[in-house]
Protein backbone atom coordinates (compact mmCIF):
# COMPACT_ATOMS: atom_id res chain seq x y z
CA MET A 1 -7.99 -8.95 17.54
CA SER A 2 -7.81 -9.15 13.85
CA SER A 3 -6.99 -5.89 12.06
CA VAL A 4 -8.68 -4.52 9.90
CA PHE A 5 -5.77 -5.45 7.37
CA SER A 6 -6.14 -9.07 8.11
CA LYS A 7 -9.78 -8.81 7.38
CA ILE A 8 -8.71 -7.33 3.90
CA VAL A 9 -6.72 -10.52 3.69
CA ALA A 10 -9.48 -12.81 4.78
CA GLY A 11 -11.65 -11.40 2.09
CA GLU A 12 -13.79 -10.25 5.02
CA ILE A 13 -13.30 -6.47 3.94
CA PRO A 14 -13.17 -5.30 0.00
CA CYS A 15 -10.26 -3.77 -1.11
CA TYR A 16 -9.00 -2.41 -4.56
CA LYS A 17 -5.72 -5.16 -5.22
CA VAL A 18 -2.90 -4.01 -6.97
CA ALA A 19 -0.69 -7.01 -6.26
CA GLU A 20 -0.84 -10.21 -4.43
CA SER A 21 2.08 -12.94 -3.65
CA GLU A 22 1.30 -16.06 -1.03
CA LYS A 23 3.19 -13.93 1.69
CA HIS A 24 1.80 -10.34 0.64
CA LEU A 25 -0.71 -8.02 -0.68
CA ALA A 26 -0.64 -4.85 -1.81
CA PHE A 27 -3.96 -2.40 -2.13
CA LEU A 28 -5.18 1.31 -3.04
CA ASP A 29 -5.34 3.25 0.89
CA ALA A 30 -8.81 3.71 0.85
CA PHE A 31 -8.41 7.19 2.66
CA PRO A 32 -5.43 8.33 -0.01
CA ILE A 33 -3.24 11.45 0.43
CA VAL A 34 -2.90 11.40 -3.26
CA LYS A 35 -4.13 9.24 -6.22
CA GLY A 36 -2.01 5.74 -6.64
CA HIS A 37 -1.43 5.89 -2.87
CA VAL A 38 -0.78 1.98 -1.94
CA LEU A 39 -0.43 0.01 1.25
CA VAL A 40 1.66 -3.14 1.11
CA ILE A 41 1.23 -5.54 3.91
CA PRO A 42 2.60 -9.05 4.98
CA LYS A 43 -0.40 -11.19 5.41
CA LYS A 44 0.58 -12.64 8.58
CA GLU A 45 -0.54 -10.31 11.16
CA THR A 46 2.24 -8.28 12.93
CA ASP A 47 2.16 -5.34 14.79
CA LYS A 48 5.49 -3.74 14.19
CA LEU A 49 7.79 -3.26 11.32
CA PHE A 50 10.81 -4.27 13.44
CA ASP A 51 8.91 -7.17 14.81
CA LEU A 52 9.59 -9.01 11.83
CA PRO A 53 11.93 -11.37 11.63
CA LYS A 54 14.86 -10.26 9.31
CA GLU A 55 13.95 -12.68 6.41
CA GLU A 56 10.08 -11.74 6.32
CA TYR A 57 11.14 -8.12 6.67
CA ASP A 58 13.54 -8.58 3.28
CA GLU A 59 10.93 -10.24 1.56
CA LEU A 60 8.34 -7.83 1.94
CA MET A 61 10.65 -5.04 1.05
CA ASP A 62 11.35 -7.17 -1.96
CA PHE A 63 7.55 -7.18 -2.73
CA THR A 64 7.39 -3.41 -1.26
CA TYR A 65 10.26 -2.60 -4.24
CA THR A 66 8.17 -4.50 -7.18
CA VAL A 67 5.33 -2.93 -6.68
CA ALA A 68 7.21 0.73 -6.25
CA GLN A 69 8.20 0.36 -9.32
CA ALA A 70 4.84 -0.55 -11.18
CA VAL A 71 3.35 2.50 -9.13
CA GLY A 72 6.13 4.92 -10.67
CA LYS A 73 5.11 3.84 -14.23
CA ALA A 74 1.60 4.02 -13.69
CA ILE A 75 1.06 7.72 -11.95
CA PRO A 76 2.64 10.50 -13.19
CA CYS A 77 4.82 11.51 -10.56
CA LEU A 78 8.56 12.65 -9.57
CA ARG A 79 9.16 9.94 -7.35
CA VAL A 80 7.53 7.07 -5.38
CA GLY A 81 8.17 7.69 -1.78
CA MET A 82 7.57 5.31 1.06
CA THR A 83 7.06 5.63 4.49
CA VAL A 84 5.76 3.58 7.61
CA GLN A 85 4.13 5.09 10.49
CA GLY A 86 2.19 2.34 11.85
CA LEU A 87 0.12 3.99 14.35
CA GLU A 88 -3.44 4.10 12.64
CA VAL A 89 -3.85 0.11 12.54
CA PRO A 90 -1.65 -2.50 14.39
CA HIS A 91 -0.59 -4.91 11.45
CA VAL A 92 2.84 -3.73 9.29
CA HIS A 93 2.15 -1.41 6.63
CA VAL A 94 4.24 0.30 4.07
CA HIS A 95 2.96 3.48 2.19
CA LEU A 96 3.71 3.94 -1.13
CA ILE A 97 3.21 7.87 -2.31
CA PRO A 98 3.30 8.93 -5.43
CA LEU A 99 5.25 12.74 -5.23
CA ASN A 100 5.56 15.35 -6.92
CA ALA A 101 5.84 17.89 -3.90
CA VAL A 102 7.03 17.61 -0.18
CA GLU A 103 3.56 18.49 0.44
CA ASP A 104 1.86 15.24 -1.14
CA ILE A 105 3.09 13.48 1.86
CA ASN A 106 0.99 15.32 4.18
CA PHE A 107 -1.67 12.63 5.83
CA GLY A 108 -3.73 15.15 7.40
CA ASN A 109 -4.76 15.51 3.43
CA LYS A 110 -7.15 12.87 2.56
CA LEU A 111 -8.59 12.81 -1.26
CA ILE A 112 -12.11 11.32 -1.84
CA LEU A 113 -12.53 8.77 -4.98
CA SER A 114 -15.25 7.17 -6.87
CA SER A 115 -15.16 3.16 -7.16
CA GLU A 116 -14.31 3.77 -10.60
CA GLU A 117 -11.63 6.09 -9.81
CA PHE A 118 -10.13 3.32 -7.75
CA THR A 119 -10.73 1.00 -9.64
CA GLU A 120 -8.82 2.72 -12.75
CA ILE A 121 -5.87 3.60 -10.55
CA ALA A 122 -5.99 0.12 -9.20
CA ASP A 123 -6.00 -1.62 -13.20
CA LYS A 124 -3.26 0.63 -14.29
CA ILE A 125 -0.82 -0.16 -11.39
CA MET A 126 -1.49 -3.75 -12.03
CA SER A 127 -0.89 -3.37 -15.76
CA TYR A 128 3.10 -2.72 -15.26
CA LEU A 129 3.29 -5.96 -12.77
């Protein structure tokens, strides 16, 4: 059964895309904990990060690095945090989270953003890629 992320990759579910390569996709989290919260995924469906072959892991981290640089320029923050939980969706995904305080990485908090806010954030991040 396809994960929700595989359906996003296939175009069956819309997303606010910020970056894409042949093997990877970065898009705004639909349930962000802060503005600018981005998910970075391999297009190939793999459940666990450390199940990726080393070469694919390295490619994912390289792509994530590039996206994180853009997030840090686009969203006012002290730093861009990165976390991998992997419990919510059975598809490898890296969270990039603009941080200004330790509390900013609380996954119990979810923002509600309008489609205009999502589009504005995605466009701003893309402008730095």
